Protein backbone atom coordinates (compact mmCIF):
# COMPACT_ATOMS: atom_id res chain seq x y z
CA MET A 1 153.17 6.78 88.95
CA THR A 2 153.26 9.45 91.28
CA ARG A 3 156.25 11.57 91.91
CA PRO A 4 158.09 13.58 94.64
CA PHE A 5 156.28 16.87 95.48
CA PHE A 6 159.12 18.43 97.28
CA ALA A 7 162.77 17.69 96.94
CA ALA A 8 164.79 19.26 99.92
CA PRO A 9 168.38 19.71 99.89
CA SER A 10 170.60 16.90 101.41
CA LEU A 11 170.04 15.63 104.72
CA PRO A 12 172.36 13.15 106.38
CA PHE A 13 171.08 9.92 107.16
CA MET A 14 172.85 6.93 105.41
CA SER A 15 176.76 6.43 105.09
CA ARG A 16 178.11 5.24 101.89
CA ARG A 17 181.80 3.97 101.76
CA VAL A 18 184.10 5.81 99.45
CA PRO A 19 187.71 5.43 99.11
CA ALA A 20 189.34 7.20 102.15
CA LEU A 21 186.04 8.78 103.39
CA THR A 22 182.44 8.14 104.07
CA ALA A 23 179.87 10.27 102.32
CA CYS A 24 176.38 10.80 103.78
CA ALA A 25 173.22 10.43 101.80
CA GLY A 26 170.00 12.28 102.66
CA LEU A 27 166.49 12.38 103.01
CA ALA A 28 163.72 14.15 101.08
CA LEU A 29 159.93 13.78 100.89
CA LEU A 30 157.76 11.75 98.80
CA ALA A 31 154.38 12.82 97.03
CA ALA A 32 151.34 11.43 98.33
CA CYS A 33 149.73 8.52 96.15
CA ALA A 34 146.50 10.00 94.54
CA SER A 35 144.86 6.67 95.37
CA LEU A 36 145.19 6.89 98.99
CA PRO A 37 143.02 8.68 101.41
CA ALA A 38 143.41 12.18 102.14
CA ALA A 39 144.27 12.05 106.02
CA PRO A 40 145.91 9.69 108.28
CA ASN A 41 142.79 9.70 110.47
CA MET A 42 141.03 8.02 107.56
CA ALA A 43 141.02 4.40 106.18
CA LEU A 44 144.35 2.78 105.66
CA PRO A 45 144.90 1.52 102.10
CA SER A 46 143.70 -1.95 101.24
CA ALA A 47 146.40 -2.54 98.92
CA ALA A 48 149.69 -1.38 98.09
CA PRO A 49 150.24 1.98 96.68
CA ALA A 50 151.79 2.05 93.06
CA PRO A 51 155.63 2.18 93.16
CA MET A 52 157.22 5.89 92.52
CA ASP A 53 159.58 6.15 89.47
CA ASP A 54 163.11 5.47 90.50
CA TYR A 55 162.24 4.98 94.20
CA ASP A 56 162.72 1.78 96.03
CA TRP A 57 163.74 -0.02 99.42
CA HIS A 58 167.57 -0.23 100.03
CA PHE A 59 169.34 -1.90 102.65
CA GLU A 60 173.00 -1.87 104.05
CA ARG A 61 174.62 -3.95 106.87
CA GLN A 62 178.04 -2.63 108.44
CA PRO A 63 179.61 -3.66 111.52
CA GLN A 64 178.31 -1.06 113.67
CA THR A 65 175.03 -0.07 111.98
CA VAL A 66 172.11 -1.33 109.64
CA GLN A 67 170.01 0.46 107.54
CA LEU A 68 166.99 0.40 105.85
CA ALA A 69 165.71 3.25 103.60
CA TYR A 70 163.03 4.00 101.18
CA GLY A 71 164.71 6.41 98.15
CA VAL A 72 166.38 6.93 94.99
CA ALA A 73 169.51 4.43 94.54
CA ASN A 74 173.03 6.67 94.56
CA SER A 75 170.83 9.95 95.69
CA ASP A 76 170.27 12.01 98.50
CA ASP A 77 166.72 11.45 97.78
CA ILE A 78 165.61 9.37 100.95
CA PRO A 79 161.91 10.09 102.73
CA LEU A 80 162.29 7.60 105.10
CA GLY A 81 165.23 5.79 106.96
CA PHE A 82 165.50 3.21 109.81
CA SER A 83 168.61 2.35 111.46
CA CYS A 84 169.72 0.25 114.25
CA ARG A 85 172.97 -1.26 115.92
CA PRO A 86 172.96 -5.24 115.41
CA GLY A 87 171.21 -6.79 118.00
CA SER A 88 169.93 -4.03 120.00
CA ASN A 89 166.34 -4.68 119.29
CA GLN A 90 166.01 -0.70 118.95
CA ILE A 91 165.04 0.99 115.67
CA GLN A 92 165.63 4.65 114.97
CA MET A 93 163.50 6.22 112.14
CA SER A 94 164.30 9.67 110.38
CA THR A 95 162.35 11.63 108.13
CA PRO A 96 162.44 15.54 107.18
CA THR A 97 159.56 18.03 107.52
CA LEU A 98 159.57 21.76 106.84
CA ASP A 99 157.14 22.20 109.13
CA ALA A 100 158.23 23.31 112.90
CA LYS A 101 155.34 22.25 114.69
CA THR A 102 155.33 18.55 113.40
CA LYS A 103 156.36 16.18 116.32
CA THR A 104 155.32 12.61 115.15
CA ILE A 105 155.80 10.43 112.69
CA THR A 106 153.01 8.15 111.41
CA LEU A 107 153.39 5.01 109.23
CA GLY A 108 150.91 2.20 108.40
CA THR A 109 150.06 -0.66 106.22
CA SER A 110 146.78 -2.18 105.39
CA GLU A 111 146.45 -3.78 108.53
CA THR A 112 147.99 -1.39 111.17
CA ARG A 113 148.95 2.31 111.79
CA GLN A 114 150.98 3.82 114.80
CA THR A 115 152.13 7.40 115.50
CA TYR A 116 155.19 7.76 116.98
CA ALA A 117 156.28 10.76 119.45
CA ALA A 118 159.15 12.30 117.56
CA ARG A 119 162.32 14.34 118.55
CA GLN A 120 162.65 17.43 116.17
CA GLU A 121 166.19 18.98 115.38
CA ALA A 122 166.96 21.89 112.88
CA ALA A 123 168.46 20.33 109.64
CA GLU A 124 171.91 21.23 108.99
CA MET A 125 171.87 21.14 105.19
CA PHE A 126 168.55 22.49 104.46
CA ASP A 127 165.73 25.16 105.97
CA GLY A 128 163.72 22.58 107.70
CA TYR A 129 164.00 19.87 110.66
CA LEU A 130 164.58 16.11 111.15
CA LEU A 131 162.45 13.98 112.93
CA HIS A 132 163.68 11.03 114.88
CA ALA A 133 161.51 8.45 116.33
CA GLN A 134 162.17 5.07 118.28
CA THR A 135 160.58 1.60 118.18
CA THR A 136 161.61 -1.84 118.35
CA ALA A 137 162.00 -4.76 115.71
CA ASN A 138 158.77 -6.49 117.12
CA ASP A 139 156.87 -3.14 116.40
CA PRO A 140 153.38 -4.36 114.98
CA VAL A 141 153.50 -1.70 111.80
CA LEU A 142 157.06 -3.07 111.09
CA LEU A 143 156.08 -6.92 111.28
CA SER A 144 153.21 -5.78 108.85
CA PHE A 145 155.46 -4.14 106.91
CA ALA A 146 157.73 -7.43 106.73
CA LYS A 147 154.59 -9.40 105.85
CA LEU A 148 153.26 -7.12 103.13
CA GLY A 149 156.66 -5.30 101.70
CA TRP A 150 155.32 -1.75 101.72
CA LEU A 151 154.24 1.13 104.22
CA VAL A 152 152.56 4.38 103.77
CA MET A 153 153.69 7.46 105.86
CA ALA A 154 151.46 10.34 106.93
CA HIS A 155 152.64 13.80 105.31
CA GLU A 156 150.99 16.68 105.13
CA GLY A 157 147.69 15.18 105.66
CA ARG A 158 147.67 12.40 103.11
CA TRP A 159 149.45 9.02 103.06
CA ALA A 160 152.59 8.73 100.93
CA GLY A 161 153.09 5.45 99.51
CA LEU A 162 156.33 3.72 100.17
CA SER A 163 156.24 0.64 97.76
CA PRO A 164 159.13 -1.23 96.29
CA GLN A 165 159.44 -1.34 92.26
CA SER A 166 157.90 -4.48 90.70
CA GLY A 167 160.04 -7.54 91.06
CA THR A 168 162.00 -6.14 94.34
CA LYS A 169 161.57 -7.94 97.40
CA THR A 170 161.83 -5.37 100.25
CA PRO A 171 164.69 -6.36 102.77
CA VAL A 172 162.88 -5.54 105.76
CA HIS A 173 163.07 -9.36 106.98
CA ASP A 174 166.86 -9.05 106.65
CA PHE A 175 166.86 -5.68 108.54
CA LEU A 176 164.62 -6.50 111.36
CA ALA A 177 166.60 -9.88 111.89
CA ALA A 178 169.72 -7.90 112.03
CA CYS A 179 168.34 -5.46 114.53
CA ARG A 180 167.30 -8.33 116.87
């Protein structure tokens, strides 16, 4: 199993309900799977990367927003998050970076890959940036993700694997259906 190579301080992304207030979870970066190609321009993996210890896909539905995030449960360690307003068909993805030059998010599966133009903003909770990109519920990468149950994300010239734990059914179908 691979482990995170960088744990950034908390970044706001997913809200959690706590009595009398809402707390925020955050994003942190994942390790690249050793078995994956060294650069996003190289071939995509032919099979799902090995799950990382303690990382999994988490789905949350609230009246005004639906969220799907990859990370450690009940923590601020979430390297990639998706959110939408129910029925909007518009999906926002978010990930942290320390690189001021990064202006894209690249995701893929064994079937397809896509690079998304991203808006970068200074992070308030750590020395770095948040990247935000837009797509739709009909995005080919997300449809392939729904079919296969895993993604890879380009990070620092490598593919980072975002695979569920063994026995976990990735809730991407529920997320996409809610967004449509």
